[in-house]
Amino acid sequence: MPHYEAKVSSKGQITIPAEVRSFFMLKDGDKVDFYVDPRSRAVSILARNAKASDLFGILKDRIPDRPPVTLGEMDQGIADHLAEKHARISREWNEWREFQEWKKSRAAE
């Protein structure tokens, strides 16, 4: 993993190294989010300079001879995922509730 460093100015500012700006294609006015992990004293950054429209077609060559996914197919995929998640959460809730009832009946014995 490449390493770059920057020095904090008296005003609390840092200059993002040129290599990092180039990698993330950052330009004047772009926003960067900082995520701080207090336990490890590490910071992750997220460059927010790409627009969703810039990503159009990025995956088109990943699966040859396959037409692009339609919005309907995307919606269906999301719906299927949420239905599976709901079923899993319901099953886990029912298992937990049954266990609590079993535990309560054992305590009464």
Protein backbone atom coordinates (compact mmCIF):
# COMPACT_ATOMS: atom_id res chain seq x y z
CA MET A 1 0.00 0.00 0.00
CA PRO A 2 1.50 3.36 -0.98
CA HIS A 3 2.25 5.85 1.78
CA TYR A 4 1.95 9.62 1.54
CA GLU A 5 2.22 12.25 4.22
CA ALA A 6 1.13 15.83 4.68
CA LYS A 7 2.04 18.47 7.25
CA VAL A 8 -0.60 20.37 9.25
CA SER A 9 -0.29 24.15 8.87
CA SER A 10 -0.70 26.66 11.69
CA LYS A 11 -4.30 27.10 10.50
CA GLY A 12 -4.99 23.35 10.84
CA GLN A 13 -4.96 22.77 7.08
CA ILE A 14 -3.24 20.03 5.11
CA THR A 15 -2.39 19.78 1.44
CA ILE A 16 -3.46 16.49 -0.09
CA PRO A 17 -0.40 15.04 -1.81
CA ALA A 18 -0.43 15.36 -5.61
CA GLU A 19 -0.36 11.57 -6.09
CA VAL A 20 -3.51 11.17 -3.96
CA ARG A 21 -5.28 14.05 -5.74
CA SER A 22 -4.38 12.47 -9.07
CA PHE A 23 -5.56 8.98 -8.00
CA PHE A 24 -8.95 10.30 -6.86
CA MET A 25 -9.12 12.84 -9.73
CA LEU A 26 -9.73 15.59 -7.17
CA LYS A 27 -10.05 19.15 -8.38
CA ASP A 28 -10.70 22.53 -6.81
CA GLY A 29 -14.03 22.51 -4.95
CA ASP A 30 -14.41 18.72 -4.62
CA LYS A 31 -15.59 17.46 -1.23
CA VAL A 32 -13.75 14.85 0.82
CA ASP A 33 -15.29 13.10 3.84
CA PHE A 34 -13.11 12.02 6.78
CA TYR A 35 -14.09 8.98 8.87
CA VAL A 36 -12.23 8.70 12.19
CA ASP A 37 -11.65 5.42 14.05
CA PRO A 38 -10.80 6.55 17.60
CA ARG A 39 -9.60 3.11 18.71
CA SER A 40 -6.93 2.78 16.03
CA ARG A 41 -6.41 6.55 15.63
CA ALA A 42 -6.83 6.06 11.87
CA VAL A 43 -8.70 8.15 9.32
CA SER A 44 -10.34 6.94 6.14
CA ILE A 45 -11.27 9.39 3.45
CA LEU A 46 -13.97 9.27 0.82
CA ALA A 47 -13.72 11.45 -2.27
CA ARG A 48 -17.18 12.66 -3.30
CA ASN A 49 -16.25 14.05 -6.70
CA ALA A 50 -17.81 11.39 -8.97
CA LYS A 51 -21.36 11.89 -10.17
CA ALA A 52 -23.65 8.91 -10.64
CA SER A 53 -23.86 9.79 -14.33
CA ASP A 54 -20.06 9.40 -14.55
CA LEU A 55 -20.46 5.75 -13.56
CA PHE A 56 -22.84 4.91 -16.40
CA GLY A 57 -21.51 1.97 -18.40
CA ILE A 58 -18.65 1.21 -16.02
CA LEU A 59 -19.64 -2.47 -15.77
CA LYS A 60 -20.70 -3.04 -19.37
CA ASP A 61 -17.61 -5.07 -20.31
CA ARG A 62 -17.56 -7.15 -17.12
CA ILE A 63 -20.01 -9.79 -18.43
CA PRO A 64 -19.63 -10.20 -22.20
CA ASP A 65 -22.71 -10.75 -24.38
CA ARG A 66 -25.11 -9.70 -21.64
CA PRO A 67 -27.50 -6.78 -22.16
CA PRO A 68 -27.50 -3.99 -19.57
CA VAL A 69 -29.71 -4.46 -16.53
CA THR A 70 -32.97 -2.52 -16.74
CA LEU A 71 -34.34 -0.33 -13.96
CA GLY A 72 -37.14 -2.87 -13.48
CA GLU A 73 -34.59 -5.65 -12.98
CA MET A 74 -32.70 -3.48 -10.48
CA ASP A 75 -35.93 -2.77 -8.59
CA GLN A 76 -36.78 -6.49 -8.58
CA GLY A 77 -33.31 -7.36 -7.27
CA ILE A 78 -33.66 -4.84 -4.45
CA ALA A 79 -37.17 -6.12 -3.65
CA ASP A 80 -35.93 -9.73 -3.57
CA HIS A 81 -33.09 -8.77 -1.23
CA LEU A 82 -35.44 -6.93 1.12
CA ALA A 83 -37.91 -9.83 1.12
CA GLU A 84 -35.12 -12.27 2.04
CA LYS A 85 -33.90 -9.91 4.76
CA HIS A 86 -37.43 -9.55 6.17
CA ALA A 87 -37.89 -13.34 6.19
CA ARG A 88 -34.56 -13.82 7.98
CA ILE A 89 -35.34 -11.17 10.61
CA SER A 90 -38.83 -12.64 11.18
CA ARG A 91 -37.39 -16.15 11.54
CA GLU A 92 -34.73 -14.97 14.00
CA TRP A 93 -37.35 -13.03 16.00
CA ASN A 94 -39.62 -16.08 16.19
CA GLU A 95 -36.70 -18.30 17.26
CA TRP A 96 -35.74 -15.78 19.95
CA ARG A 97 -39.35 -15.53 21.18
CA GLU A 98 -39.69 -19.34 21.31
CA PHE A 99 -36.43 -19.56 23.22
CA GLN A 100 -37.64 -16.96 25.74
CA GLU A 101 -40.87 -18.91 26.25
CA TRP A 102 -38.89 -22.15 26.66
CA LYS A 103 -36.57 -20.44 29.15
CA LYS A 104 -39.55 -19.09 31.09
CA SER A 105 -41.18 -22.55 31.25
CA ARG A 106 -37.90 -24.10 32.50
CA ALA A 107 -37.64 -21.48 35.25
CA ALA A 108 -41.23 -22.28 36.35
CA GLU A 109 -40.43 -25.99 36.77
